[in-house]
Structures are given as structure tokens and as C-alpha cells.
């Protein structure tokens, strides 16, 4: 799936200073308005595919945040292939959300397996590896999905959990990216927007709402603190001078936020 780019070429301070659009009386789709289709493959071999509906939504903790608990739409869904012979490096799932009332489709993600646990049930965990293919992304953060699939010992699919996460990029040389919970309303607005909103005024309002929720998390991570960004940039430039080329793209992002010329970085 292609990532929905937002706030292209807009720094955080510019985003914060933009006038808010006029409010619109618009209610986004509920998460239960969607059917979620999952396709599980091992290389070219189809292991399982089926439809799931939202049974309930929970908020596990401030760290884990929003969790969508989905149940199979049809009883007795079973593996089509031998799950005990999976070649783990080739195992992937594809996720598509389908809005029930008009069948509008949203390609959510392609995820790679990250672990498998075997107990009373088999639990398969999936996440994004390598190239980021998030649901939505600005220059400073992106939304991603993790998934857990539970299967009985005799091969029947019990349920699926989807965990939207908001990844905010680091702006310090020695800092890890912040992975925080995705606000439920943000995920609702995003699914509704990607599935399609016919009224252009409502569509613009929903996009602005998505952007404002991304910006708020980025502001909390210090992307609006120019003094802090300048100090981080100086530290990165020192590292680059020592031969640490891995900081080049991060340094460029900081120069953009600070309003500095980056044309020389592209030569």
C-alpha cells in the first residue's frame, strides 16, 4: 500500500501557525463499520485468508494504547496449508479494510512475521520491517500497524488484534524514535478519509483533523523547540564529521525544520 503523505514541505512551526479550517458537522465512520480482510502467505503458498469484524476496542495502557479485537466473520475458519512448516523469513500478511455500506477498500499494510509463540494457542506477531509503509506520514512521524493472530492447536483461527502505533522520529543523535499509542479518533478519521469522503468541505476538514493530531504528538516530542533542534543538529554534524554517515538524513531533516538551506545536501 502507498503511504498517505501529509504536511508535505511544512515544518512543525508552520503547521502550528496555519489557521484552522472552519468546523464542519461531520461524524467519521465507526471502526465497526469496516470489515477487515487478512491474507496470510508463506512465500507463494497461501496459508489462510478470511474476513474479520471488530468485536470490541480496548485501551490497554498509556504505552500500548488502542487495540482492535477482531473476530472471524465466518465460523470454523481453518488453515489452508501446514502452519507447522512455515518458512518464517517468507511469512507475511496483507490487510485490507472494507467499508461495509459502500465496499470502499483501504489497503492497510503488508506486515512481516516477527515472532511465533506456541502454547495452548499459536500466536503469530506481525510488524513492519525495513522500509516504512505506514498508513499516514509527515516528515516527522508516521502511523503503523502491528498485528497478532491467534490460532488453535488444531488450526482454527480464533481472532486477530490490530494495534495502531504513532512513531515520532528522533531528532537527537543518540535517541530512539518514540513509539506511542495512536489516538482512537485519529484512526477513525484516517480510515474514513482513506475510504473516501465525497463532500470536499468535509474531506478537507477531516484531513486537517488528521494533521492536527499528528502535529500535537510531534510538538510533545520537542519538534517545535528550535533551540533544542539546533543543539541536536550541532551534535549530529560533529558525528558526521567523525565519519558517522548514518546521521546525514536526520541532520537534513533538522535543517529543514530550522529553515536552513538544504540544497547543498542534494548535490
Protein backbone atom coordinates (compact mmCIF):
# COMPACT_ATOMS: atom_id res chain seq x y z
CA UNK A 1 0.00 0.00 0.00
CA UNK A 2 1.13 3.57 -0.61
CA UNK A 3 1.60 5.78 2.44
CA UNK A 4 -0.63 8.85 2.68
CA UNK A 5 1.79 11.78 2.86
CA UNK A 6 0.58 14.76 4.86
CA UNK A 7 2.08 18.17 5.67
CA UNK A 8 4.47 17.87 2.70
CA UNK A 9 7.13 20.58 2.86
CA UNK A 10 5.61 22.05 6.03
CA UNK A 11 7.69 22.43 9.20
CA UNK A 12 6.08 21.88 12.56
CA UNK A 13 6.06 25.58 13.42
CA UNK A 14 4.44 26.36 10.06
CA UNK A 15 1.83 23.69 10.72
CA UNK A 16 1.10 25.11 14.16
CA UNK A 17 0.67 28.63 12.76
CA UNK A 18 -1.76 27.68 9.99
CA UNK A 19 -5.34 28.83 10.51
CA UNK A 20 -7.73 26.05 11.42
CA UNK A 21 -10.40 25.28 8.81
CA UNK A 22 -13.98 26.20 9.57
CA UNK A 23 -15.61 23.48 11.67
CA UNK A 24 -17.86 21.07 9.81
CA UNK A 25 -20.61 18.93 11.29
CA UNK A 26 -19.17 15.59 10.25
CA UNK A 27 -19.06 12.23 12.03
CA UNK A 28 -16.39 9.77 10.90
CA UNK A 29 -17.14 6.10 10.40
CA UNK A 30 -17.06 3.85 13.44
CA UNK A 31 -14.39 1.17 13.46
CA UNK A 32 -17.21 -1.39 13.50
CA UNK A 33 -18.36 -0.03 10.10
CA UNK A 34 -15.43 -1.88 8.48
CA UNK A 35 -14.70 -5.50 7.66
CA UNK A 36 -11.00 -6.39 7.81
CA UNK A 37 -9.69 -8.89 5.26
CA UNK A 38 -6.47 -10.74 6.05
CA UNK A 39 -4.35 -12.84 3.69
CA UNK A 40 -1.57 -14.94 5.27
CA UNK A 41 1.13 -16.33 2.98
CA UNK A 42 4.40 -18.22 3.23
CA UNK A 43 6.20 -17.10 0.10
CA UNK A 44 3.89 -18.10 -2.76
CA UNK A 45 1.93 -20.53 -0.55
CA UNK A 46 -1.45 -19.38 0.79
CA UNK A 47 -1.89 -20.39 4.42
CA UNK A 48 -5.08 -18.56 5.30
CA UNK A 49 -7.43 -15.79 4.20
CA UNK A 50 -10.62 -14.55 5.78
CA UNK A 51 -12.80 -11.65 6.94
CA UNK A 52 -12.86 -10.22 10.46
CA UNK A 53 -15.15 -7.78 12.22
CA UNK A 54 -14.47 -5.60 15.26
CA UNK A 55 -15.79 -7.33 18.38
CA UNK A 56 -14.55 -4.65 20.76
CA UNK A 57 -11.94 -1.93 21.20
CA UNK A 58 -9.75 -1.60 24.26
CA UNK A 59 -7.11 0.77 25.63
CA UNK A 60 -4.54 -1.46 27.30
CA UNK A 61 -2.33 1.25 28.82
CA UNK A 62 -0.74 4.60 28.03
CA UNK A 63 2.13 2.73 26.36
CA UNK A 64 0.15 0.16 24.36
CA UNK A 65 -2.87 2.34 23.64
CA UNK A 66 -5.54 1.38 21.17
CA UNK A 67 -6.18 -2.31 20.41
CA UNK A 68 -8.81 -3.53 17.96
CA UNK A 69 -10.04 -7.02 18.83
CA UNK A 70 -11.44 -8.71 15.74
CA UNK A 71 -13.33 -11.98 15.38
CA UNK A 72 -13.76 -14.11 12.24
CA UNK A 73 -16.94 -13.21 10.35
CA UNK A 74 -17.46 -16.89 9.49
CA UNK A 75 -17.31 -19.83 11.90
CA UNK A 76 -14.74 -22.60 11.64
CA UNK A 77 -12.14 -20.72 9.62
CA UNK A 78 -9.18 -23.05 9.30
CA UNK A 79 -5.68 -23.04 7.80
CA UNK A 80 -5.49 -23.92 4.12
CA UNK A 81 -1.85 -25.01 4.49
CA UNK A 82 0.52 -26.61 7.00
CA UNK A 83 1.21 -23.93 9.60
CA UNK A 84 3.79 -26.08 11.38
CA UNK A 85 6.08 -25.95 8.36
CA UNK A 86 6.26 -22.18 7.89
CA UNK A 87 9.46 -20.76 6.44
CA UNK A 88 9.48 -17.83 8.84
CA UNK A 89 11.58 -15.44 6.75
CA UNK A 90 8.96 -15.59 3.97
CA UNK A 91 5.80 -15.28 6.10
CA UNK A 92 3.70 -12.15 5.55
CA UNK A 93 0.18 -10.88 5.94
CA UNK A 94 -1.74 -8.34 3.85
CA UNK A 95 -4.52 -6.33 5.49
CA UNK A 96 -7.39 -4.55 3.76
CA UNK A 97 -10.27 -2.67 5.41
CA UNK A 98 -13.59 -2.65 3.55
CA UNK A 99 -16.28 -0.13 4.50
CA UNK A 100 -19.46 -2.16 4.73
CA UNK A 101 -22.01 0.30 3.37
CA UNK A 102 -20.27 1.03 0.05
CA UNK A 103 -17.49 -1.62 -0.18
CA UNK A 104 -14.79 1.08 -0.39
CA UNK A 105 -11.41 -0.60 0.16
CA UNK A 106 -8.39 0.66 2.10
CA UNK A 107 -5.11 -1.22 1.77
CA UNK A 108 -3.78 -1.01 5.31
CA UNK A 109 -0.43 -2.72 5.33
CA UNK A 110 1.85 -5.59 4.37
CA UNK A 111 3.47 -6.95 7.53
CA UNK A 112 6.28 -9.43 8.14
CA UNK A 113 6.20 -12.04 10.88
CA UNK A 114 8.28 -11.04 13.91
CA UNK A 115 7.60 -13.93 16.28
CA UNK A 116 5.60 -17.12 16.80
CA UNK A 117 4.64 -18.49 20.22
CA UNK A 118 3.21 -21.95 20.81
CA UNK A 119 1.19 -22.77 23.91
CA UNK A 120 -2.49 -23.57 24.32
CA UNK A 121 -2.83 -21.42 21.21
CA UNK A 122 -0.41 -20.42 18.48
CA UNK A 123 0.20 -16.68 18.49
CA UNK A 124 1.78 -15.05 15.43
CA UNK A 125 3.03 -11.47 15.70
CA UNK A 126 3.47 -9.21 12.67
CA UNK A 127 5.11 -5.83 12.25
CA UNK A 128 6.74 -3.53 9.69
CA UNK A 129 10.39 -4.26 8.93
CA UNK A 130 12.82 -2.23 6.84
CA UNK A 131 11.09 0.28 4.56
CA UNK A 132 8.34 2.11 6.42
CA UNK A 133 4.95 1.59 4.80
CA UNK A 134 2.73 3.38 7.24
CA UNK A 135 -0.88 4.44 6.97
CA UNK A 136 -0.01 8.13 7.07
CA UNK A 137 3.24 10.02 7.44
CA UNK A 138 4.60 13.52 7.80
CA UNK A 139 8.29 14.45 7.66
CA UNK A 140 8.49 13.82 11.41
CA UNK A 141 6.22 10.88 12.22
CA UNK A 142 4.14 8.05 10.80
CA UNK A 143 1.31 5.73 11.75
CA UNK A 144 1.89 1.99 11.56
CA UNK A 145 0.06 -1.22 12.42
CA UNK A 146 1.17 -4.24 14.40
CA UNK A 147 -0.96 -7.40 14.34
CA UNK A 148 -1.42 -10.55 16.43
CA UNK A 149 -3.15 -13.63 15.00
CA UNK A 150 -4.26 -16.42 17.36
CA UNK A 151 -4.86 -19.98 16.12
CA UNK A 152 -5.97 -23.10 18.00
CA UNK A 153 -3.76 -26.17 18.11
CA UNK A 154 -5.95 -27.88 15.51
CA UNK A 155 -5.67 -24.97 13.08
CA UNK A 156 -8.83 -22.90 13.62
CA UNK A 157 -8.45 -19.13 13.65
CA UNK A 158 -9.54 -17.62 16.97
CA UNK A 159 -9.05 -13.92 16.43
CA UNK A 160 -6.97 -11.01 15.25
CA UNK A 161 -5.68 -7.97 17.13
CA UNK A 162 -4.64 -4.76 15.39
CA UNK A 163 -2.52 -2.22 17.26
CA UNK A 164 -2.12 1.17 15.53
CA UNK A 165 1.03 2.97 16.69
CA UNK A 166 2.30 6.50 16.22
CA UNK A 167 6.06 6.57 15.55
CA UNK A 168 7.63 10.02 16.04
CA UNK A 169 11.14 10.37 14.58
CA UNK A 170 14.08 11.13 16.81
CA UNK A 171 15.84 14.48 16.50
CA UNK A 172 18.75 13.66 18.80
CA UNK A 173 21.89 11.80 17.76
CA UNK A 174 21.60 9.15 20.48
CA UNK A 175 17.82 8.98 20.87
CA UNK A 176 15.48 6.20 19.74
CA UNK A 177 12.28 7.01 17.88
CA UNK A 178 9.29 7.44 20.17
CA UNK A 179 6.63 4.77 19.67
CA UNK A 180 3.39 5.86 21.25
CA UNK A 181 -0.27 4.93 21.16
CA UNK A 182 -2.44 6.02 18.28
CA UNK A 183 -5.44 8.06 19.32
CA UNK A 184 -8.70 6.21 18.55
CA UNK A 185 -10.26 9.24 16.88
CA UNK A 186 -7.16 9.62 14.68
CA UNK A 187 -7.52 6.03 13.46
CA UNK A 188 -11.25 6.58 12.83
CA UNK A 189 -10.66 9.77 10.87
CA UNK A 190 -7.85 8.16 8.88
CA UNK A 191 -9.86 5.07 7.88
CA UNK A 192 -12.81 7.27 6.92
CA UNK A 193 -10.59 9.60 4.90
CA UNK A 194 -8.82 6.79 3.06
CA UNK A 195 -12.11 5.03 2.30
CA UNK A 196 -13.39 8.24 0.72
CA UNK A 197 -15.41 11.31 1.69
CA UNK A 198 -17.47 12.73 -1.16
CA UNK A 199 -18.14 16.18 0.32
CA UNK A 200 -14.99 18.25 -0.44
CA UNK A 201 -15.53 20.55 2.55
CA UNK A 202 -15.85 17.61 4.92
CA UNK A 203 -12.86 15.91 3.29
CA UNK A 204 -10.67 18.99 3.85
CA UNK A 205 -11.87 19.23 7.46
CA UNK A 206 -11.05 15.56 8.17
CA UNK A 207 -7.58 15.87 6.61
CA UNK A 208 -6.90 18.95 8.77
CA UNK A 209 -8.03 16.98 11.82
CA UNK A 210 -5.64 14.12 10.97
CA UNK A 211 -2.78 16.58 10.51
CA UNK A 212 -3.52 18.35 13.80
CA UNK A 213 -3.39 15.08 15.75
CA UNK A 214 -0.04 14.19 14.16
CA UNK A 215 1.33 17.66 14.87
CA UNK A 216 0.31 17.55 18.52
CA UNK A 217 2.33 14.36 19.13
CA UNK A 218 5.30 15.83 17.24
CA UNK A 219 5.15 19.02 19.31
CA UNK A 220 5.18 16.96 22.53
CA UNK A 221 8.38 15.27 21.29
CA UNK A 222 10.12 18.63 21.01
CA UNK A 223 9.99 19.24 17.25
CA UNK A 224 8.82 22.81 17.89
CA UNK A 225 11.74 23.66 20.21
CA UNK A 226 14.17 25.37 17.82
CA UNK A 227 16.90 25.78 20.44
CA UNK A 228 16.83 22.07 21.18
CA UNK A 229 16.80 21.18 17.47
CA UNK A 230 19.81 23.45 16.85
CA UNK A 231 21.74 21.73 19.65
CA UNK A 232 20.84 18.31 18.24
CA UNK A 233 21.95 19.41 14.76
CA UNK A 234 25.33 20.58 16.08
CA UNK A 235 25.83 17.20 17.76
CA UNK A 236 24.90 15.35 14.57
CA UNK A 237 27.21 17.46 12.41
CA UNK A 238 30.04 16.63 14.80
CA UNK A 239 29.22 12.92 14.40
CA UNK A 240 29.09 13.26 10.61
CA UNK A 241 32.49 14.96 10.71
CA UNK A 242 33.79 11.90 12.55
CA UNK A 243 32.56 9.68 9.73
CA UNK A 244 29.15 8.59 11.02
CA UNK A 245 27.20 8.88 7.75
CA UNK A 246 24.06 7.41 9.29
CA UNK A 247 23.18 10.83 10.67
CA UNK A 248 23.09 12.61 7.30
CA UNK A 249 19.36 12.22 6.63
CA UNK A 250 18.46 13.15 10.22
CA UNK A 251 20.64 16.26 10.02
CA UNK A 252 18.94 17.29 6.79
CA UNK A 253 15.51 16.94 8.44
CA UNK A 254 16.66 19.21 11.27
CA UNK A 255 17.96 21.83 8.82
CA UNK A 256 14.56 21.86 7.12
CA UNK A 257 12.81 22.39 10.46
CA UNK A 258 15.24 25.20 11.32
CA UNK A 259 14.63 26.94 7.97
CA UNK A 260 18.17 26.38 6.73
CA UNK A 261 19.26 25.83 3.13
CA UNK A 262 19.47 22.13 2.26
CA UNK A 263 20.23 22.41 -1.48
CA UNK A 264 23.89 21.56 -0.85
CA UNK A 265 22.75 18.30 0.81
CA UNK A 266 21.22 17.20 -2.51
CA UNK A 267 24.24 17.81 -4.69
